[in-house]
Protein backbone atom coordinates (compact mmCIF):
# COMPACT_ATOMS: atom_id res chain seq x y z
CA MET A 1 129.12 102.78 245.03
CA ALA A 2 132.12 100.65 243.93
CA ILE A 3 131.98 96.61 244.52
CA LYS A 4 134.52 94.42 246.37
CA GLN A 5 135.94 92.02 244.35
CA PRO A 6 136.16 88.95 245.78
CA ASP A 7 139.46 87.01 246.87
CA LEU A 8 140.67 84.96 244.08
CA THR A 9 144.52 84.52 245.55
CA ILE A 10 144.29 80.55 245.64
CA ASN A 11 147.37 79.23 243.78
CA ILE A 12 146.29 77.51 241.00
CA SER A 13 148.85 76.89 237.85
CA ASN A 14 147.47 77.15 234.51
CA HIS A 15 148.60 73.75 234.08
CA GLN A 16 146.57 72.52 237.10
CA SER A 17 143.86 74.68 235.62
CA SER A 18 143.85 73.35 232.05
CA LEU A 19 143.86 69.76 233.74
CA GLN A 20 140.83 70.63 235.70
CA ILE A 21 139.19 71.81 232.66
CA PHE A 22 139.41 69.19 230.80
CA LYS A 23 138.07 66.71 233.16
CA ALA A 24 134.89 69.23 233.70
CA ALA A 25 134.36 69.21 230.13
CA ALA A 26 134.77 65.67 229.62
CA SER A 27 132.20 65.05 232.94
CA ASN A 28 129.80 67.50 231.21
CA PHE A 29 129.76 65.82 228.27
CA ILE A 30 129.15 62.35 229.53
CA SER A 31 125.89 63.72 231.83
CA SER A 32 124.86 66.00 229.32
CA LEU A 33 124.71 63.09 226.35
CA SER A 34 123.57 60.63 228.25
CA GLY A 35 120.45 63.00 229.89
CA LYS A 36 119.38 64.14 227.27
CA MET A 37 119.23 60.45 225.55
CA PHE A 38 118.03 59.15 229.04
CA THR A 39 115.12 62.14 229.05
CA PHE A 40 114.13 61.47 224.94
CA GLY A 41 114.20 57.61 226.03
CA LEU A 42 111.86 58.24 228.91
CA GLY A 43 109.48 60.62 226.69
CA LEU A 44 109.14 57.98 223.94
CA MET A 45 108.28 54.70 226.34
CA LEU A 46 105.32 57.29 228.32
CA LEU A 47 103.87 58.16 224.50
CA ASP A 48 103.71 54.42 223.96
CA GLU A 49 102.67 53.31 227.28
CA THR A 50 100.17 56.36 228.30
CA HIS A 51 99.57 58.07 224.56
CA SER A 52 99.56 61.04 227.09
CA ALA A 53 100.79 64.67 225.42
CA ILE A 54 102.24 65.17 228.28
CA SER A 55 104.96 62.58 227.88
CA PHE A 56 107.88 64.91 226.66
CA GLY A 57 106.79 67.64 228.87
CA ILE A 58 106.51 66.35 232.51
CA ASN A 59 110.33 66.90 233.21
CA MET A 60 109.51 70.85 232.34
CA ILE A 61 107.12 70.51 234.74
CA ILE A 62 108.79 69.12 237.91
CA SER A 63 112.02 70.58 237.47
CA PRO A 64 111.07 74.76 237.97
CA ILE A 65 108.98 73.03 240.93
CA VAL A 66 111.69 71.42 242.81
CA GLY A 67 113.84 74.38 242.32
CA LEU A 68 111.63 76.49 243.74
CA LEU A 69 110.70 74.48 246.99
CA CYS A 70 114.32 73.56 247.29
CA LEU A 71 115.99 77.04 246.76
CA VAL A 72 116.63 78.06 250.03
CA PRO A 73 118.39 74.47 251.57
CA ILE A 74 120.27 74.13 248.44
CA GLY A 75 121.67 77.72 248.46
CA ASN A 76 122.69 77.42 252.15
CA LEU A 77 123.72 73.31 251.61
CA ILE A 78 126.34 74.56 248.81
CA ASP A 79 127.63 77.87 250.62
CA THR A 80 127.96 75.45 254.08
CA TYR A 81 130.33 72.29 252.76
CA PRO A 82 132.84 72.06 250.64
CA HIS A 83 132.15 71.58 247.25
CA LYS A 84 133.70 67.93 246.51
CA THR A 85 131.23 66.82 249.42
CA VAL A 86 128.36 68.14 248.34
CA PHE A 87 128.90 66.69 244.75
CA THR A 88 129.90 63.63 246.31
CA GLY A 89 126.49 63.16 247.83
CA SER A 90 124.55 64.24 245.52
CA LEU A 91 125.78 61.70 242.89
CA THR A 92 125.47 59.16 245.15
CA ALA A 93 121.60 59.90 245.98
CA ARG A 94 121.42 60.55 241.83
CA THR A 95 123.19 56.57 241.18
CA LEU A 96 121.36 54.91 243.80
CA ALA A 97 117.74 56.15 242.65
CA LEU A 98 118.75 55.28 239.19
CA ILE A 99 119.52 51.60 240.51
CA LEU A 100 116.26 51.55 242.27
CA PHE A 101 114.39 53.32 239.46
CA ALA A 102 115.55 50.57 237.21
CA ALA A 103 114.59 47.49 239.52
CA SER A 104 111.00 49.09 239.80
CA ILE A 105 110.02 50.68 236.50
CA ASN A 106 109.05 47.19 235.37
CA LEU A 107 106.71 46.63 237.95
CA PHE A 108 104.34 48.85 236.96
CA THR A 109 102.14 49.14 233.74
CA ALA A 110 100.42 52.04 231.23
CA THR A 111 100.06 55.16 233.13
CA ALA A 112 100.90 53.71 236.90
CA LYS A 113 104.12 54.12 235.58
CA LEU A 114 104.22 57.71 236.39
CA ILE A 115 104.29 56.82 240.14
CA PRO A 116 108.23 55.88 239.75
CA ILE A 117 109.28 58.00 237.11
CA VAL A 118 107.76 60.94 239.21
CA LEU A 119 109.80 60.17 242.17
CA PHE A 120 112.91 59.70 240.32
CA LEU A 121 112.82 63.26 238.62
CA ILE A 122 112.05 64.72 242.04
CA ILE A 123 115.40 63.36 242.88
CA ASP A 124 116.77 63.62 239.72
CA ALA A 125 115.48 67.47 239.50
CA ILE A 126 116.99 68.18 243.11
CA SER A 127 120.73 66.46 242.11
CA THR A 128 121.05 68.18 238.65
CA ASN A 129 119.94 71.83 240.70
CA ILE A 130 122.94 70.66 243.56
CA ASN A 131 125.11 69.90 241.05
CA ASP A 132 124.87 72.80 238.47
CA THR A 133 124.88 75.67 241.14
CA CYS A 134 127.81 74.15 243.14
CA TYR A 135 129.80 73.99 239.75
CA SER A 136 129.14 77.11 239.49
CA ALA A 137 130.06 78.26 243.04
CA ALA A 138 133.24 76.15 242.96
CA THR A 139 134.54 77.87 239.86
CA HIS A 140 137.64 79.30 241.81
CA GLU A 141 138.59 76.51 243.47
CA LEU A 142 138.96 74.51 240.35
CA VAL A 143 140.93 76.94 238.20
CA ASN A 144 142.68 80.42 238.33
CA ALA A 145 141.17 83.63 237.68
CA HIS A 146 142.48 83.85 234.16
CA ASN A 147 140.98 80.61 233.22
CA ILE A 148 137.13 81.40 234.76
CA GLN A 149 135.99 82.06 230.58
CA ARG A 150 137.58 79.25 229.27
CA LEU A 151 136.37 76.77 231.98
CA SER A 152 132.95 78.67 231.39
CA SER A 153 133.57 78.27 227.47
CA LEU A 154 134.47 74.56 227.23
CA THR A 155 132.03 73.25 229.18
CA GLN A 156 129.34 74.80 227.68
CA SER A 157 131.01 73.72 224.12
CA ALA A 158 130.51 69.78 225.28
CA ILE A 159 127.10 70.19 226.15
CA SER A 160 126.40 71.84 223.00
CA LEU A 161 128.08 68.96 221.11
CA SER A 162 125.91 66.79 223.37
CA SER A 163 123.15 68.62 221.66
CA ILE A 164 123.93 67.68 218.38
CA LEU A 165 124.79 64.40 219.08
CA SER A 166 122.09 63.31 221.33
CA PRO A 167 118.88 63.11 218.42
CA ALA A 168 120.38 60.92 216.16
CA LEU A 169 122.52 58.55 219.03
CA GLY A 170 118.87 58.37 220.92
CA VAL A 171 116.81 57.13 218.18
CA GLY A 172 119.10 54.65 217.12
CA LEU A 173 119.85 53.56 220.64
CA TYR A 174 115.97 53.51 221.31
CA SER A 175 115.55 51.47 218.11
CA LEU A 176 118.20 49.28 219.84
CA VAL A 177 118.00 48.41 223.51
CA GLY A 178 114.82 49.74 224.25
CA PHE A 179 114.23 51.77 227.19
CA SER A 180 115.73 49.51 229.45
CA GLY A 181 119.17 49.62 227.74
CA PHE A 182 118.78 53.89 228.43
CA VAL A 183 118.58 53.25 232.05
CA ILE A 184 121.23 51.05 232.38
CA LEU A 185 123.33 53.57 230.01
CA GLU A 186 122.49 56.54 232.54
CA ILE A 187 123.85 54.38 235.85
CA VAL A 188 127.35 53.67 233.45
CA ALA A 189 127.55 57.54 232.77
CA THR A 190 126.58 58.54 236.22
CA LEU A 191 129.30 56.44 237.52
CA ALA A 192 131.74 57.54 235.03
CA SER A 193 131.06 61.46 235.56
CA PHE A 194 130.99 60.83 239.42
CA GLY A 195 134.76 59.22 238.79
CA ILE A 196 135.99 62.18 236.98
CA MET A 197 134.64 64.64 239.90
CA LEU A 198 136.62 62.40 242.77
CA THR A 199 140.00 62.75 240.44
CA MET A 200 139.46 66.51 240.14
CA LYS A 201 141.15 68.61 243.05
CA PHE A 202 139.43 71.33 244.63
CA HIS A 203 141.59 73.99 246.15
CA TYR A 204 139.68 75.80 249.00
CA HIS A 205 141.14 79.03 250.48
CA ALA A 206 143.28 78.70 254.00
CA THR A 207 140.68 80.95 255.46
CA ASN A 208 138.33 78.05 254.70
CA GLN A 209 135.06 79.51 254.38
CA PHE A 210 133.42 76.04 255.57
CA ALA A 211 135.16 75.80 258.43
CA ASN A 212 132.94 77.91 261.50
CA SER A 213 129.62 76.89 259.61
CA GLN A 214 130.02 72.59 259.42
CA HIS A 215 129.14 72.42 263.31
CA ALA A 216 126.23 75.09 263.63
CA PRO A 217 122.86 73.90 264.55
CA VAL A 218 120.38 73.32 261.49
CA THR A 219 117.64 74.75 262.53
CA SER A 220 114.42 76.53 259.63
CA HIS A 221 115.09 79.99 261.37
CA SER A 222 119.17 79.52 260.44
CA GLN A 223 118.22 78.13 257.08
CA PHE A 224 116.33 81.23 256.41
CA ALA A 225 118.52 83.40 258.13
CA LYS A 226 121.39 82.29 256.01
CA PHE A 227 119.76 82.65 252.90
CA HIS A 228 118.60 86.36 253.41
CA SER A 229 122.06 87.46 254.16
CA GLY A 230 122.05 86.27 250.53
CA LEU A 231 118.83 88.08 248.91
CA ASN A 232 119.94 91.25 251.44
CA TYR A 233 123.67 90.87 248.87
CA MET A 234 121.47 90.65 245.89
CA ARG A 235 119.37 93.58 246.69
CA SER A 236 122.47 95.50 246.95
CA ARG A 237 123.73 95.18 243.88
CA THR A 238 122.25 96.95 241.23
CA MET A 239 123.43 95.67 238.36
CA ILE A 240 122.16 91.90 239.67
CA LYS A 241 118.83 93.25 240.27
CA ILE A 242 118.79 94.87 236.66
CA THR A 243 119.50 91.93 234.93
CA ILE A 244 117.03 89.68 236.89
CA LEU A 245 114.73 92.10 235.53
CA LEU A 246 115.87 91.59 232.11
CA SER A 247 116.02 88.09 232.55
CA VAL A 248 112.60 87.18 233.69
CA ILE A 249 111.34 88.92 230.92
CA LEU A 250 113.63 87.14 228.25
CA ASN A 251 112.72 83.63 229.46
CA PHE A 252 108.83 84.02 229.61
CA LEU A 253 108.95 85.46 226.40
CA TYR A 254 111.19 82.96 224.92
CA THR A 255 108.78 80.13 225.60
CA ALA A 256 107.26 81.28 222.94
CA VAL A 257 109.92 80.04 220.23
CA THR A 258 110.37 76.77 222.44
CA ILE A 259 107.00 75.46 222.23
CA GLY A 260 106.10 77.69 219.02
CA ILE A 261 108.83 76.18 216.41
CA PRO A 262 107.66 72.50 216.50
CA TYR A 263 103.80 73.28 216.51
CA ILE A 264 103.84 76.37 213.72
CA LEU A 265 105.42 74.00 211.28
CA LYS A 266 104.07 70.91 212.10
CA ASP A 267 100.28 71.97 212.79
CA GLN A 268 100.35 75.24 211.09
CA LEU A 269 102.61 74.83 208.38
CA HIS A 270 102.43 71.15 207.66
CA THR A 271 105.87 70.95 207.03
CA GLY A 272 106.57 67.03 208.75
CA ASN A 273 109.03 66.65 211.28
CA GLY A 274 112.01 67.37 209.10
CA PRO A 275 112.87 70.87 209.55
CA ILE A 276 111.97 70.89 213.38
CA GLY A 277 115.00 68.55 213.94
CA VAL A 278 117.03 70.60 211.05
CA LEU A 279 116.15 74.18 213.29
CA GLU A 280 117.12 72.09 216.56
CA THR A 281 120.46 71.11 214.87
CA GLY A 282 121.06 74.56 213.80
CA SER A 283 120.39 75.56 217.31
CA ALA A 284 122.99 73.59 218.76
CA ILE A 285 125.58 74.50 216.20
CA GLY A 286 124.94 77.96 217.11
CA MET A 287 125.74 77.62 220.99
CA LEU A 288 128.69 75.48 219.94
CA LEU A 289 130.13 77.70 217.79
CA GLY A 290 129.75 81.02 220.51
CA SER A 291 130.88 78.55 223.38
CA LEU A 292 134.06 77.94 221.36
CA LEU A 293 134.72 81.59 220.38
CA LEU A 294 134.69 82.42 223.91
CA THR A 295 137.26 79.67 224.18
CA LEU A 296 139.76 81.29 221.84
CA LEU A 297 139.28 84.96 222.78
CA PRO A 298 141.35 85.80 225.61
CA PRO A 299 139.90 86.96 228.89
CA THR A 300 138.46 90.86 229.20
CA GLY A 301 137.45 90.66 232.55
CA GLN A 302 134.93 93.50 233.14
CA LYS A 303 135.75 96.10 230.21
CA ARG A 304 133.33 96.63 227.79
CA LEU A 305 130.76 94.89 229.60
CA PHE A 306 127.73 96.88 228.82
CA LEU A 307 128.24 95.73 224.96
CA LYS A 308 129.25 92.23 225.63
CA LEU A 309 125.68 92.05 227.63
CA ILE A 310 123.59 94.30 225.38
CA ILE A 311 124.99 93.20 221.65
CA PRO A 312 124.07 89.62 222.25
CA VAL A 313 120.42 90.89 223.63
CA LEU A 314 119.59 92.77 220.55
CA ILE A 315 120.53 90.29 218.21
CA LEU A 316 118.27 87.51 220.01
CA ASP A 317 115.38 90.17 219.86
CA SER A 318 115.82 90.23 216.21
CA GLN A 319 116.27 86.98 215.59
CA ILE A 320 113.07 86.20 216.88
CA LEU A 321 111.26 88.60 215.06
CA LEU A 322 112.67 87.41 212.04
CA LEU A 323 112.09 84.00 212.60
CA GLY A 324 108.33 85.16 212.80
CA VAL A 325 108.62 86.94 210.36
CA LEU A 326 109.93 83.60 208.28
CA PHE A 327 106.84 81.71 209.60
CA MET A 328 104.58 84.53 207.76
CA THR A 329 106.02 84.29 204.27
CA SER A 330 105.48 81.58 201.68
CA GLN A 331 108.19 78.77 201.79
CA SER A 332 108.99 75.16 201.08
CA PRO A 333 109.95 73.04 203.55
CA THR A 334 113.05 73.01 202.89
CA GLY A 335 112.98 76.93 202.63
CA TYR A 336 111.62 77.10 206.30
CA ALA A 337 114.32 74.54 206.99
CA LEU A 338 117.22 76.24 205.60
CA LEU A 339 116.09 80.07 206.74
CA GLY A 340 115.19 78.81 210.09
CA SER A 341 118.35 77.04 210.68
CA PHE A 342 120.13 79.98 210.06
CA ILE A 343 118.16 82.05 212.40
CA MET A 344 118.04 79.62 215.32
CA GLY A 345 121.97 78.96 214.66
CA ILE A 346 122.61 83.36 215.30
CA LEU A 347 120.03 83.39 218.19
CA ALA A 348 121.32 80.57 219.86
CA PHE A 349 125.09 82.02 219.22
CA ALA A 350 123.70 84.97 220.87
CA LEU A 351 122.20 83.19 223.48
CA VAL A 352 125.21 81.15 224.84
CA ILE A 353 127.23 84.53 224.65
CA LEU A 354 125.06 86.24 226.77
CA ASN A 355 125.09 83.11 229.69
CA ILE A 356 128.68 82.93 229.65
CA THR A 357 129.37 86.57 229.86
CA PHE A 358 126.85 86.51 232.68
CA GLN A 359 128.42 83.53 234.76
CA VAL A 360 131.82 84.89 234.30
CA TYR A 361 130.89 88.56 235.77
CA LEU A 362 128.99 86.68 238.75
CA GLN A 363 132.42 84.55 239.79
CA GLN A 364 134.49 87.53 239.32
CA THR A 365 132.25 89.99 241.50
CA VAL A 366 130.50 87.47 244.09
CA PRO A 367 132.52 86.28 247.28
CA THR A 368 132.81 82.83 246.96
CA LYS A 369 130.70 82.00 250.10
CA LEU A 370 127.81 83.97 248.64
CA LEU A 371 127.86 82.13 245.18
CA GLY A 372 125.78 79.41 246.11
CA ARG A 373 122.59 81.38 247.20
CA VAL A 374 123.02 84.20 244.48
CA VAL A 375 123.12 81.27 241.37
CA ALA A 376 120.57 79.26 243.12
CA THR A 377 118.10 82.08 243.62
CA LEU A 378 118.63 83.79 239.44
CA THR A 379 118.44 80.19 238.60
CA THR A 380 114.97 79.54 240.29
CA VAL A 381 113.65 83.01 239.27
CA ASN A 382 114.18 82.37 235.75
CA SER A 383 113.05 78.98 235.32
CA SER A 384 110.25 79.74 237.28
CA ILE A 385 108.80 81.79 235.13
CA MET A 386 108.51 79.43 232.14
CA PRO A 387 105.70 76.66 233.05
CA ILE A 388 103.40 80.09 232.82
CA GLY A 389 105.35 80.95 229.59
CA THR A 390 104.67 77.56 228.23
CA LEU A 391 100.88 77.32 229.56
CA MET A 392 99.81 81.04 228.03
CA PHE A 393 101.38 80.64 224.66
CA THR A 394 100.33 77.26 224.33
CA LEU A 395 96.62 78.65 225.09
CA ILE A 396 97.78 81.53 222.34
CA PHE A 397 99.16 79.51 219.60
CA GLN A 398 95.72 77.07 219.49
CA SER A 399 93.62 80.29 219.66
CA THR A 400 95.33 81.26 216.24
CA THR A 401 96.15 80.31 212.82
CA HIS A 402 98.95 83.02 212.46
CA GLY A 403 101.87 81.44 214.85
CA GLY A 404 104.43 84.03 213.19
CA LEU A 405 102.45 86.93 214.26
CA VAL A 406 103.00 85.82 217.93
CA LEU A 407 106.86 85.45 217.17
CA ILE A 408 106.87 89.24 215.46
CA ILE A 409 105.26 90.50 218.68
CA ASN A 410 107.01 89.20 221.08
CA GLY A 411 110.36 90.37 219.28
CA ILE A 412 109.11 93.57 219.44
CA LEU A 413 108.24 93.65 222.84
CA LEU A 414 111.34 92.08 223.74
CA LEU A 415 113.83 95.09 221.67
CA GLY A 416 111.13 97.75 223.38
CA TYR A 417 111.65 96.44 226.84
CA THR A 418 115.82 95.71 226.15
CA LEU A 419 116.03 99.91 224.78
CA LEU A 420 113.78 100.70 228.17
CA LEU A 421 117.04 98.65 230.23
CA LEU A 422 119.72 100.36 228.08
CA ARG A 423 120.35 103.35 230.72
CA PRO A 424 119.72 101.75 233.80
CA LEU A 425 122.10 98.84 232.71
CA ASN A 426 124.58 101.44 231.92
CA GLN A 427 124.62 103.48 235.26
CA ALA A 428 124.43 100.18 237.20
CA ILE A 429 127.41 98.88 235.10
CA HIS A 430 129.70 102.28 235.94
CA SER A 431 128.51 102.21 239.39
CA GLU A 432 129.34 98.93 240.18
CA GLN A 433 133.46 99.39 238.44
CA PRO A 434 136.01 98.82 241.02
């Protein structure tokens, strides 16, 4: 059954779209760079105060839990109220939370610092979840249909560039200004991003999808009923169901790469911290190049969608396998760093192309009034599986001296699973062609 395309007839010129894209990229770069440095500074401060191994992982625990608990209200919120209003409320709450956090953090010592930190990270996770989902749902209000891919690609480029710059800047700034300076910097960056957002014009459709729902009474029953309509829509889309089957397993097994690389290099191969940083830089450069490539390429809509999705997945599978092979061979620290960064660059290149392609596909095929619920659900499903993967692969890596073999097995499993989904994915794409 062919899917009905969303109405994308809002009149936004190419000049207006280009201006909006520049503002969105600038806002994303500022917030991403400051956020990554803030997280780094928070981890270092906690490590100094508590000497706990959880110092750099506390946010990875809180974010998925918050996402799961807030899935229904966030999805409904974004599909109920004007997106600029939602952004304004979210960024206001985050700014106030940062100010309260800055004023209270030094009132606590040692492990007691976890109290204000956890409270702030909960608010931060809610705000980030709202902002990311709202941004995806508001795409049609910011640019015309021709510029959707360019918007997604350039904002991803800004985030990738911040990933390259944040480690070095984070180390230098932490040495100069300490954690208090990081908090002040994050407040300033949030206000700057907030200011840019306020200058952006959100072009709402003439028949505003928010008009009929703003004055409806909000009850737990209506909340779940509204969200259930979004789930029913997703159940009707075979393509979305197949993608969930693929992405959940992909995210689950990919956690082995995230936690495995530093553990294998430092604890099993005894290379020190240098190669770990080089591999992270290679990954960030791969993401940047992938997003820039899609910025330069003309949008092709849903043409050759099967190949645009499956080729990056197959490349990703093979690079995980190759990474395991590299760690099973005898190399110098320089060899691990150079070859590993090249493999991670290709892996990240494929991953960002896959993510952007699917984001654009969703924005082109899902009705705007449902985008908030659909994006919130997909994001939560994918992130919720990662804590389980983190726990499982932590136990696996600590019980073996051959971490590279774990990655090889993961690569083979992913490759086999991808091949099993080739035919269902191809059939789903053809069945939904307009």
